[in-house]
């Protein structure tokens, strides 16, 4: 379960047994949401929030979406690195507010 980003208490990660489509899990304490990336013609067309039992709150979800919109290319690259190349991506801590 590689952690790929930390951003003001939000932890962005993959689960080792995950599957397509490309998506990222975002946790804060006991709360978690899953965000699927929808690509069309190689460009990010949408981000779909998948319901989980203990959803992030509204502000955390908004912050997560903002972060994902900015870093979706890097997240997708880390997905490829982990699930296709079988390499563990490095975690990056972002300390500047978006």
PDB file of N, CA and C in Angstrom:
ATOM      1  N   UNK A   1       0.853  -1.171   0.000  1.00  0.00           N
ATOM      2  CA  UNK A   1       0.000   0.000   0.000  1.00  0.00           C
ATOM      3  C   UNK A   1       0.898   1.233   0.000  1.00  0.00           C
ATOM      4  N   UNK A   2       1.368   1.645  -1.186  1.00  0.00           N
ATOM      5  CA  UNK A   2       2.263   2.801  -1.201  1.00  0.00           C
ATOM      6  C   UNK A   2       1.527   4.121  -1.014  1.00  0.00           C
ATOM      7  N   UNK A   3       2.091   4.915  -0.139  1.00  0.00           N
ATOM      8  CA  UNK A   3       1.631   6.284   0.065  1.00  0.00           C
ATOM      9  C   UNK A   3       2.390   7.118  -0.959  1.00  0.00           C
ATOM     10  N   UNK A   4       1.658   7.922  -1.763  1.00  0.00           N
ATOM     11  CA  UNK A   4       2.331   8.650  -2.828  1.00  0.00           C
ATOM     12  C   UNK A   4       2.425  10.152  -2.567  1.00  0.00           C
ATOM     13  N   UNK A   5       1.463  10.705  -1.813  1.00  0.00           N
ATOM     14  CA  UNK A   5       1.503  12.121  -1.464  1.00  0.00           C
ATOM     15  C   UNK A   5       0.942  12.332  -0.070  1.00  0.00           C
ATOM     16  N   UNK A   6       1.468  13.369   0.586  1.00  0.00           N
ATOM     17  CA  UNK A   6       0.890  13.908   1.813  1.00  0.00           C
ATOM     18  C   UNK A   6       0.614  15.373   1.538  1.00  0.00           C
ATOM     19  N   UNK A   7      -0.586  15.809   1.919  1.00  0.00           N
ATOM     20  CA  UNK A   7      -0.961  17.205   1.677  1.00  0.00           C
ATOM     21  C   UNK A   7      -1.857  17.673   2.810  1.00  0.00           C
ATOM     22  N   UNK A   8      -1.298  18.388   3.775  1.00  0.00           N
ATOM     23  CA  UNK A   8      -2.026  18.977   4.889  1.00  0.00           C
ATOM     24  C   UNK A   8      -3.005  17.984   5.536  1.00  0.00           C
ATOM     25  N   UNK A   9      -2.491  16.829   5.936  1.00  0.00           N
ATOM     26  CA  UNK A   9      -3.292  15.822   6.626  1.00  0.00           C
ATOM     27  C   UNK A   9      -3.968  14.818   5.714  1.00  0.00           C
ATOM     28  N   UNK A  10      -4.003  15.090   4.418  1.00  0.00           N
ATOM     29  CA  UNK A  10      -4.573  14.148   3.455  1.00  0.00           C
ATOM     30  C   UNK A  10      -3.464  13.234   2.956  1.00  0.00           C
ATOM     31  N   UNK A  11      -3.742  11.943   2.976  1.00  0.00           N
ATOM     32  CA  UNK A  11      -2.784  10.941   2.515  1.00  0.00           C
ATOM     33  C   UNK A  11      -3.334  10.334   1.229  1.00  0.00           C
ATOM     34  N   UNK A  12      -2.579  10.423   0.141  1.00  0.00           N
ATOM     35  CA  UNK A  12      -2.957   9.868  -1.156  1.00  0.00           C
ATOM     36  C   UNK A  12      -2.200   8.560  -1.325  1.00  0.00           C
ATOM     37  N   UNK A  13      -2.928   7.485  -1.650  1.00  0.00           N
ATOM     38  CA  UNK A  13      -2.290   6.173  -1.707  1.00  0.00           C
ATOM     39  C   UNK A  13      -2.987   5.239  -2.677  1.00  0.00           C
ATOM     40  N   UNK A  14      -2.286   4.142  -2.987  1.00  0.00           N
ATOM     41  CA  UNK A  14      -2.842   3.034  -3.761  1.00  0.00           C
ATOM     42  C   UNK A  14      -2.898   1.827  -2.843  1.00  0.00           C
ATOM     43  N   UNK A  15      -3.828   0.931  -3.103  1.00  0.00           N
ATOM     44  CA  UNK A  15      -3.821  -0.376  -2.452  1.00  0.00           C
ATOM     45  C   UNK A  15      -3.141  -1.356  -3.395  1.00  0.00           C
ATOM     46  N   UNK A  16      -2.353  -2.260  -2.861  1.00  0.00           N
ATOM     47  CA  UNK A  16      -1.545  -3.143  -3.697  1.00  0.00           C
ATOM     48  C   UNK A  16      -2.377  -4.087  -4.560  1.00  0.00           C
ATOM     49  N   UNK A  17      -3.626  -4.328  -4.197  1.00  0.00           N
ATOM     50  CA  UNK A  17      -4.467  -5.224  -4.999  1.00  0.00           C
ATOM     51  C   UNK A  17      -5.485  -4.447  -5.842  1.00  0.00           C
ATOM     52  N   UNK A  18      -5.202  -3.177  -6.122  1.00  0.00           N
ATOM     53  CA  UNK A  18      -6.133  -2.338  -6.880  1.00  0.00           C
ATOM     54  C   UNK A  18      -6.219  -2.762  -8.336  1.00  0.00           C
ATOM     55  N   UNK A  19      -7.091  -2.128  -9.058  1.00  0.00           N
ATOM     56  CA  UNK A  19      -7.461  -2.507 -10.421  1.00  0.00           C
ATOM     57  C   UNK A  19      -7.736  -1.240 -11.221  1.00  0.00           C
ATOM     58  N   UNK A  20      -7.858  -1.411 -12.525  1.00  0.00           N
ATOM     59  CA  UNK A  20      -8.265  -0.297 -13.376  1.00  0.00           C
ATOM     60  C   UNK A  20      -9.723   0.036 -13.127  1.00  0.00           C
ATOM     61  N   UNK A  21     -10.189   1.224 -13.396  1.00  0.00           N
ATOM     62  CA  UNK A  21      -9.467   2.356 -13.960  1.00  0.00           C
ATOM     63  C   UNK A  21      -8.516   2.978 -12.943  1.00  0.00           C
ATOM     64  N   UNK A  22      -7.633   3.832 -13.448  1.00  0.00           N
ATOM     65  CA  UNK A  22      -6.694   4.539 -12.571  1.00  0.00           C
ATOM     66  C   UNK A  22      -7.497   5.311 -11.532  1.00  0.00           C
ATOM     67  N   UNK A  23      -7.107   5.148 -10.290  1.00  0.00           N
ATOM     68  CA  UNK A  23      -7.769   5.864  -9.203  1.00  0.00           C
ATOM     69  C   UNK A  23      -6.808   6.000  -8.034  1.00  0.00           C
ATOM     70  N   UNK A  24      -7.180   6.858  -7.096  1.00  0.00           N
ATOM     71  CA  UNK A  24      -6.364   7.067  -5.908  1.00  0.00           C
ATOM     72  C   UNK A  24      -7.291   7.111  -4.696  1.00  0.00           C
ATOM     73  N   UNK A  25      -6.817   6.577  -3.594  1.00  0.00           N
ATOM     74  CA  UNK A  25      -7.535   6.648  -2.323  1.00  0.00           C
ATOM     75  C   UNK A  25      -6.954   7.808  -1.532  1.00  0.00           C
ATOM     76  N   UNK A  26      -7.838   8.539  -0.860  1.00  0.00           N
ATOM     77  CA  UNK A  26      -7.387   9.656  -0.037  1.00  0.00           C
ATOM     78  C   UNK A  26      -7.924   9.438   1.368  1.00  0.00           C
ATOM     79  N   UNK A  27      -7.004   9.448   2.337  1.00  0.00           N
ATOM     80  CA  UNK A  27      -7.374   9.200   3.734  1.00  0.00           C
ATOM     81  C   UNK A  27      -7.042  10.405   4.598  1.00  0.00           C
ATOM     82  N   UNK A  28      -7.819  10.534   5.642  1.00  0.00           N
ATOM     83  CA  UNK A  28      -7.539  11.483   6.716  1.00  0.00           C
ATOM     84  C   UNK A  28      -8.088  10.828   7.974  1.00  0.00           C
ATOM     85  N   UNK A  29      -7.197  10.332   8.822  1.00  0.00           N
ATOM     86  CA  UNK A  29      -7.629   9.597  10.010  1.00  0.00           C
ATOM     87  C   UNK A  29      -8.401   8.350   9.593  1.00  0.00           C
ATOM     88  N   UNK A  30      -9.617   8.185  10.125  1.00  0.00           N
ATOM     89  CA  UNK A  30     -10.446   7.027   9.801  1.00  0.00           C
ATOM     90  C   UNK A  30     -11.332   7.250   8.584  1.00  0.00           C
ATOM     91  N   UNK A  31     -11.190   8.383   7.927  1.00  0.00           N
ATOM     92  CA  UNK A  31     -12.054   8.716   6.798  1.00  0.00           C
ATOM     93  C   UNK A  31     -11.300   8.521   5.486  1.00  0.00           C
ATOM     94  N   UNK A  32     -12.039   8.080   4.462  1.00  0.00           N
ATOM     95  CA  UNK A  32     -11.399   7.770   3.186  1.00  0.00           C
ATOM     96  C   UNK A  32     -12.392   7.942   2.044  1.00  0.00           C
ATOM     97  N   UNK A  33     -11.885   8.440   0.931  1.00  0.00           N
ATOM     98  CA  UNK A  33     -12.659   8.514  -0.304  1.00  0.00           C
ATOM     99  C   UNK A  33     -11.797   7.990  -1.443  1.00  0.00           C
ATOM    100  N   UNK A  34     -12.455   7.549  -2.487  1.00  0.00           N
ATOM    101  CA  UNK A  34     -11.779   7.009  -3.664  1.00  0.00           C
ATOM    102  C   UNK A  34     -12.146   7.878  -4.860  1.00  0.00           C
ATOM    103  N   UNK A  35     -11.137   8.249  -5.658  1.00  0.00           N
ATOM    104  CA  UNK A  35     -11.329   9.132  -6.795  1.00  0.00           C
ATOM    105  C   UNK A  35     -10.847   8.424  -8.066  1.00  0.00           C
ATOM    106  N   UNK A  36     -11.756   8.181  -9.001  1.00  0.00           N
ATOM    107  CA  UNK A  36     -11.420   7.550 -10.275  1.00  0.00           C
ATOM    108  C   UNK A  36     -11.152   8.618 -11.321  1.00  0.00           C
ATOM    109  N   UNK A  37     -10.147   8.371 -12.145  1.00  0.00           N
ATOM    110  CA  UNK A  37      -9.791   9.299 -13.213  1.00  0.00           C
ATOM    111  C   UNK A  37     -10.464   8.836 -14.502  1.00  0.00           C
ATOM    112  N   UNK A  38     -11.183   9.732 -15.159  1.00  0.00           N
ATOM    113  CA  UNK A  38     -11.824   9.434 -16.425  1.00  0.00           C
ATOM    114  C   UNK A  38     -11.064  10.202 -17.499  1.00  0.00           C
ATOM    115  N   UNK A  39     -10.377   9.446 -18.372  1.00  0.00           N
ATOM    116  CA  UNK A  39      -9.616  10.045 -19.460  1.00  0.00           C
ATOM    117  C   UNK A  39     -10.351   9.866 -20.781  1.00  0.00           C
ATOM    118  N   UNK A  40     -10.323  10.902 -21.602  1.00  0.00           N
ATOM    119  CA  UNK A  40     -10.842  10.846 -22.969  1.00  0.00           C
ATOM    120  C   UNK A  40      -9.801  11.474 -23.879  1.00  0.00           C
ATOM    121  N   UNK A  41      -9.402  10.737 -24.898  1.00  0.00           N
ATOM    122  CA  UNK A  41      -8.379  11.207 -25.838  1.00  0.00           C
ATOM    123  C   UNK A  41      -7.108  11.642 -25.114  1.00  0.00           C
ATOM    124  N   UNK A  42      -6.742  10.905 -24.067  1.00  0.00           N
ATOM    125  CA  UNK A  42      -5.507  11.170 -23.338  1.00  0.00           C
ATOM    126  C   UNK A  42      -5.549  12.348 -22.390  1.00  0.00           C
ATOM    127  N   UNK A  43      -6.729  12.962 -22.235  1.00  0.00           N
ATOM    128  CA  UNK A  43      -6.854  14.105 -21.333  1.00  0.00           C
ATOM    129  C   UNK A  43      -7.843  13.787 -20.224  1.00  0.00           C
ATOM    130  N   UNK A  44      -7.585  14.339 -19.053  1.00  0.00           N
ATOM    131  CA  UNK A  44      -8.486  14.130 -17.925  1.00  0.00           C
ATOM    132  C   UNK A  44      -9.819  14.813 -18.224  1.00  0.00           C
ATOM    133  N   UNK A  45     -10.885  14.016 -18.336  1.00  0.00           N
ATOM    134  CA  UNK A  45     -12.212  14.542 -18.645  1.00  0.00           C
ATOM    135  C   UNK A  45     -13.037  14.739 -17.382  1.00  0.00           C
ATOM    136  N   UNK A  46     -12.798  13.881 -16.368  1.00  0.00           N
ATOM    137  CA  UNK A  46     -13.605  13.944 -15.159  1.00  0.00           C
ATOM    138  C   UNK A  46     -12.905  13.186 -14.044  1.00  0.00           C
ATOM    139  N   UNK A  47     -13.314  13.478 -12.833  1.00  0.00           N
ATOM    140  CA  UNK A  47     -12.871  12.738 -11.648  1.00  0.00           C
ATOM    141  C   UNK A  47     -14.142  12.282 -10.955  1.00  0.00           C
ATOM    142  N   UNK A  48     -14.295  10.978 -10.844  1.00  0.00           N
ATOM    143  CA  UNK A  48     -15.506  10.397 -10.260  1.00  0.00           C
ATOM    144  C   UNK A  48     -15.221  10.016  -8.809  1.00  0.00           C
ATOM    145  N   UNK A  49     -16.056  10.491  -7.901  1.00  0.00           N
ATOM    146  CA  UNK A  49     -15.907  10.145  -6.485  1.00  0.00           C
ATOM    147  C   UNK A  49     -16.701   8.872  -6.228  1.00  0.00           C
ATOM    148  N   UNK A  50     -16.027   7.841  -5.754  1.00  0.00           N
ATOM    149  CA  UNK A  50     -16.663   6.562  -5.450  1.00  0.00           C
ATOM    150  C   UNK A  50     -17.020   6.554  -3.968  1.00  0.00           C
ATOM    151  N   UNK A  51     -18.267   6.292  -3.670  1.00  0.00           N
ATOM    152  CA  UNK A  51     -18.750   6.297  -2.279  1.00  0.00           C
ATOM    153  C   UNK A  51     -18.067   5.203  -1.461  1.00  0.00           C
ATOM    154  N   UNK A  52     -17.677   5.570  -0.254  1.00  0.00           N
ATOM    155  CA  UNK A  52     -17.130   4.622   0.717  1.00  0.00           C
ATOM    156  C   UNK A  52     -17.896   4.793   2.021  1.00  0.00           C
ATOM    157  N   UNK A  53     -17.683   3.892   2.941  1.00  0.00           N
ATOM    158  CA  UNK A  53     -18.407   3.946   4.224  1.00  0.00           C
ATOM    159  C   UNK A  53     -18.144   5.217   5.008  1.00  0.00           C
ATOM    160  N   UNK A  54     -16.887   5.550   5.155  1.00  0.00           N
ATOM    161  CA  UNK A  54     -16.485   6.711   5.959  1.00  0.00           C
ATOM    162  C   UNK A  54     -15.883   7.777   5.057  1.00  0.00           C
ATOM    163  N   UNK A  55     -16.745   8.473   4.311  1.00  0.00           N
ATOM    164  CA  UNK A  55     -16.315   9.485   3.359  1.00  0.00           C
ATOM    165  C   UNK A  55     -15.563  10.631   4.044  1.00  0.00           C
ATOM    166  N   UNK A  56     -14.640  11.225   3.303  1.00  0.00           N
ATOM    167  CA  UNK A  56     -14.035  12.466   3.762  1.00  0.00           C
ATOM    168  C   UNK A  56     -15.128  13.521   3.869  1.00  0.00           C
ATOM    169  N   UNK A  57     -14.911  14.523   4.708  1.00  0.00           N
ATOM    170  CA  UNK A  57     -15.919  15.579   4.810  1.00  0.00           C
ATOM    171  C   UNK A  57     -15.857  16.470   3.561  1.00  0.00           C
ATOM    172  N   UNK A  58     -16.774  17.408   3.477  1.00  0.00           N
ATOM    173  CA  UNK A  58     -16.908  18.239   2.273  1.00  0.00           C
ATOM    174  C   UNK A  58     -15.638  19.037   1.957  1.00  0.00           C
ATOM    175  N   UNK A  59     -15.025  19.637   2.975  1.00  0.00           N
ATOM    176  CA  UNK A  59     -13.799  20.418   2.762  1.00  0.00           C
ATOM    177  C   UNK A  59     -12.646  19.524   2.318  1.00  0.00           C
ATOM    178  N   UNK A  60     -12.503  18.360   2.956  1.00  0.00           N
ATOM    179  CA  UNK A  60     -11.434  17.434   2.588  1.00  0.00           C
ATOM    180  C   UNK A  60     -11.630  16.924   1.160  1.00  0.00           C
ATOM    181  N   UNK A  61     -12.878  16.671   0.785  1.00  0.00           N
ATOM    182  CA  UNK A  61     -13.176  16.215  -0.576  1.00  0.00           C
ATOM    183  C   UNK A  61     -12.829  17.313  -1.575  1.00  0.00           C
ATOM    184  N   UNK A  62     -13.198  18.538  -1.270  1.00  0.00           N
ATOM    185  CA  UNK A  62     -12.900  19.674  -2.145  1.00  0.00           C
ATOM    186  C   UNK A  62     -11.390  19.857  -2.289  1.00  0.00           C
ATOM    187  N   UNK A  63     -10.660  19.781  -1.171  1.00  0.00           N
ATOM    188  CA  UNK A  63      -9.201  19.910  -1.205  1.00  0.00           C
ATOM    189  C   UNK A  63      -8.569  18.763  -2.000  1.00  0.00           C
ATOM    190  N   UNK A  64      -9.107  17.556  -1.834  1.00  0.00           N
ATOM    191  CA  UNK A  64      -8.598  16.394  -2.568  1.00  0.00           C
ATOM    192  C   UNK A  64      -8.794  16.573  -4.066  1.00  0.00           C
ATOM    193  N   UNK A  65      -9.974  17.016  -4.471  1.00  0.00           N
ATOM    194  CA  UNK A  65     -10.253  17.237  -5.894  1.00  0.00           C
ATOM    195  C   UNK A  65      -9.331  18.297  -6.482  1.00  0.00           C
ATOM    196  N   UNK A  66      -9.122  19.359  -5.753  1.00  0.00           N
ATOM    197  CA  UNK A  66      -8.228  20.429  -6.208  1.00  0.00           C
ATOM    198  C   UNK A  66      -6.809  19.881  -6.399  1.00  0.00           C
ATOM    199  N   UNK A  67      -6.362  19.093  -5.431  1.00  0.00           N
ATOM    200  CA  UNK A  67      -5.035  18.489  -5.491  1.00  0.00           C
ATOM    201  C   UNK A  67      -4.929  17.539  -6.690  1.00  0.00           C
ATOM    202  N   UNK A  68      -5.929  16.676  -6.849  1.00  0.00           N
ATOM    203  CA  UNK A  68      -5.915  15.690  -7.934  1.00  0.00           C
ATOM    204  C   UNK A  68      -5.923  16.376  -9.288  1.00  0.00           C
ATOM    205  N   UNK A  69      -6.699  17.445  -9.440  1.00  0.00           N
ATOM    206  CA  UNK A  69      -6.720  18.169 -10.716  1.00  0.00           C
ATOM    207  C   UNK A  69      -5.332  18.708 -11.058  1.00  0.00           C
ATOM    208  N   UNK A  70      -4.607  19.169 -10.059  1.00  0.00           N
ATOM    209  CA  UNK A  70      -3.267  19.708 -10.297  1.00  0.00           C
ATOM    210  C   UNK A  70      -2.242  18.591 -10.546  1.00  0.00           C
ATOM    211  N   UNK A  71      -2.350  17.482  -9.826  1.00  0.00           N
ATOM    212  CA  UNK A  71      -1.320  16.437  -9.853  1.00  0.00           C
ATOM    213  C   UNK A  71      -1.759  15.144 -10.546  1.00  0.00           C
ATOM    214  N   UNK A  72      -2.838  15.154 -11.317  1.00  0.00           N
ATOM    215  CA  UNK A  72      -3.341  13.902 -11.900  1.00  0.00           C
ATOM    216  C   UNK A  72      -2.323  13.221 -12.807  1.00  0.00           C
ATOM    217  N   UNK A  73      -1.524  13.979 -13.541  1.00  0.00           N
ATOM    218  CA  UNK A  73      -0.521  13.361 -14.414  1.00  0.00           C
ATOM    219  C   UNK A  73       0.519  12.608 -13.591  1.00  0.00           C
ATOM    220  N   UNK A  74       0.985  13.236 -12.512  1.00  0.00           N
ATOM    221  CA  UNK A  74       1.983  12.594 -11.660  1.00  0.00           C
ATOM    222  C   UNK A  74       1.386  11.377 -10.946  1.00  0.00           C
ATOM    223  N   UNK A  75       0.129  11.479 -10.519  1.00  0.00           N
ATOM    224  CA  UNK A  75      -0.532  10.340  -9.868  1.00  0.00           C
ATOM    225  C   UNK A  75      -0.652   9.188 -10.861  1.00  0.00           C
ATOM    226  N   UNK A  76      -1.046   9.483 -12.093  1.00  0.00           N
ATOM    227  CA  UNK A  76      -1.157   8.445 -13.126  1.00  0.00           C
ATOM    228  C   UNK A  76       0.205   7.811 -13.424  1.00  0.00           C
ATOM    229  N   UNK A  77       1.256   8.628 -13.443  1.00  0.00           N
ATOM    230  CA  UNK A  77       2.608   8.093 -13.652  1.00  0.00           C
ATOM    231  C   UNK A  77       3.002   7.166 -12.514  1.00  0.00           C
ATOM    232  N   UNK A  78       2.666   7.554 -11.286  1.00  0.00           N
ATOM    233  CA  UNK A  78       2.974   6.702 -10.132  1.00  0.00           C
ATOM    234  C   UNK A  78       2.158   5.408 -10.191  1.00  0.00           C
ATOM    235  N   UNK A  79       0.913   5.487 -10.680  1.00  0.00           N
ATOM    236  CA  UNK A  79       0.085   4.289 -10.870  1.00  0.00           C
ATOM    237  C   UNK A  79       0.800   3.328 -11.818  1.00  0.00           C
ATOM    238  N   UNK A  80       1.239   3.838 -12.956  1.00  0.00           N
ATOM    239  CA  UNK A  80       1.932   3.025 -13.957  1.00  0.00           C
ATOM    240  C   UNK A  80       3.215   2.430 -13.362  1.00  0.00           C
ATOM    241  N   UNK A  81       3.966   3.257 -12.663  1.00  0.00           N
ATOM    242  CA  UNK A  81       5.206   2.810 -12.030  1.00  0.00           C
ATOM    243  C   UNK A  81       4.940   1.640 -11.080  1.00  0.00           C
ATOM    244  N   UNK A  82       3.875   1.746 -10.282  1.00  0.00           N
ATOM    245  CA  UNK A  82       3.590   0.716  -9.275  1.00  0.00           C
ATOM    246  C   UNK A  82       2.946  -0.530  -9.880  1.00  0.00           C
ATOM    247  N   UNK A  83       1.892  -0.347 -10.671  1.00  0.00           N
ATOM    248  CA  UNK A  83       1.122  -1.501 -11.131  1.00  0.00           C
ATOM    249  C   UNK A  83       1.653  -2.148 -12.405  1.00  0.00           C
ATOM    250  N   UNK A  84       2.381  -1.415 -13.223  1.00  0.00           N
ATOM    251  CA  UNK A  84       2.908  -1.983 -14.461  1.00  0.00           C
ATOM    252  C   UNK A  84       4.389  -2.328 -14.320  1.00  0.00           C
ATOM    253  N   UNK A  85       5.163  -1.400 -13.786  1.00  0.00           N
ATOM    254  CA  UNK A  85       6.604  -1.617 -13.662  1.00  0.00           C
ATOM    255  C   UNK A  85       7.005  -2.311 -12.362  1.00  0.00           C
ATOM    256  N   UNK A  86       6.041  -2.487 -11.454  1.00  0.00           N
ATOM    257  CA  UNK A  86       6.289  -3.128 -10.157  1.00  0.00           C
ATOM    258  C   UNK A  86       7.380  -2.432  -9.339  1.00  0.00           C
ATOM    259  N   UNK A  87       7.385  -1.109  -9.410  1.00  0.00           N
ATOM    260  CA  UNK A  87       8.310  -0.308  -8.612  1.00  0.00           C
ATOM    261  C   UNK A  87       7.497   0.458  -7.578  1.00  0.00           C
ATOM    262  N   UNK A  88       8.080   0.679  -6.423  1.00  0.00           N
ATOM    263  CA  UNK A  88       7.394   1.434  -5.379  1.00  0.00           C
ATOM    264  C   UNK A  88       7.672   2.920  -5.570  1.00  0.00           C
ATOM    265  N   UNK A  89       6.623   3.703  -5.830  1.00  0.00           N
ATOM    266  CA  UNK A  89       6.833   5.143  -6.017  1.00  0.00           C
ATOM    267  C   UNK A  89       7.195   5.822  -4.709  1.00  0.00           C
ATOM    268  N   UNK A  90       7.930   6.914  -4.815  1.00  0.00           N
ATOM    269  CA  UNK A  90       8.318   7.674  -3.636  1.00  0.00           C
ATOM    270  C   UNK A  90       7.177   8.592  -3.215  1.00  0.00           C
ATOM    271  N   UNK A  91       7.063   8.780  -1.921  1.00  0.00           N
ATOM    272  CA  UNK A  91       6.063   9.688  -1.369  1.00  0.00           C
ATOM    273  C   UNK A  91       6.628  11.100  -1.385  1.00  0.00           C
ATOM    274  N   UNK A  92       5.773  12.032  -1.757  1.00  0.00           N
ATOM    275  CA  UNK A  92       6.173  13.440  -1.768  1.00  0.00           C
ATOM    276  C   UNK A  92       5.233  14.215  -0.851  1.00  0.00           C
ATOM    277  N   UNK A  93       5.819  15.000   0.019  1.00  0.00           N
ATOM    278  CA  UNK A  93       5.030  15.837   0.932  1.00  0.00           C
ATOM    279  C   UNK A  93       4.921  17.223   0.327  1.00  0.00           C
ATOM    280  N   UNK A  94       3.680  17.662   0.102  1.00  0.00           N
ATOM    281  CA  UNK A  94       3.419  18.990  -0.459  1.00  0.00           C
ATOM    282  C   UNK A  94       3.081  19.925   0.698  1.00  0.00           C
ATOM    283  N   UNK A  95       3.864  20.984   0.857  1.00  0.00           N
ATOM    284  CA  UNK A  95       3.686  21.875   2.003  1.00  0.00           C
ATOM    285  C   UNK A  95       3.211  23.277   1.599  1.00  0.00           C
ATOM    286  N   UNK A  96       2.874  23.442   0.329  1.00  0.00           N
ATOM    287  CA  UNK A  96       2.358  24.713  -0.156  1.00  0.00           C
ATOM    288  C   UNK A  96       0.888  24.548  -0.488  1.00  0.00           C
ATOM    289  N   UNK A  97       0.048  25.413   0.078  1.00  0.00           N
ATOM    290  CA  UNK A  97      -1.389  25.352  -0.203  1.00  0.00           C
ATOM    291  C   UNK A  97      -1.666  25.656  -1.664  1.00  0.00           C
ATOM    292  N   UNK A  98      -2.601  24.921  -2.230  1.00  0.00           N
ATOM    293  CA  UNK A  98      -3.005  25.157  -3.630  1.00  0.00           C
ATOM    294  C   UNK A  98      -4.020  26.277  -3.690  1.00  0.00           C
TER     295      UNK A  98
END
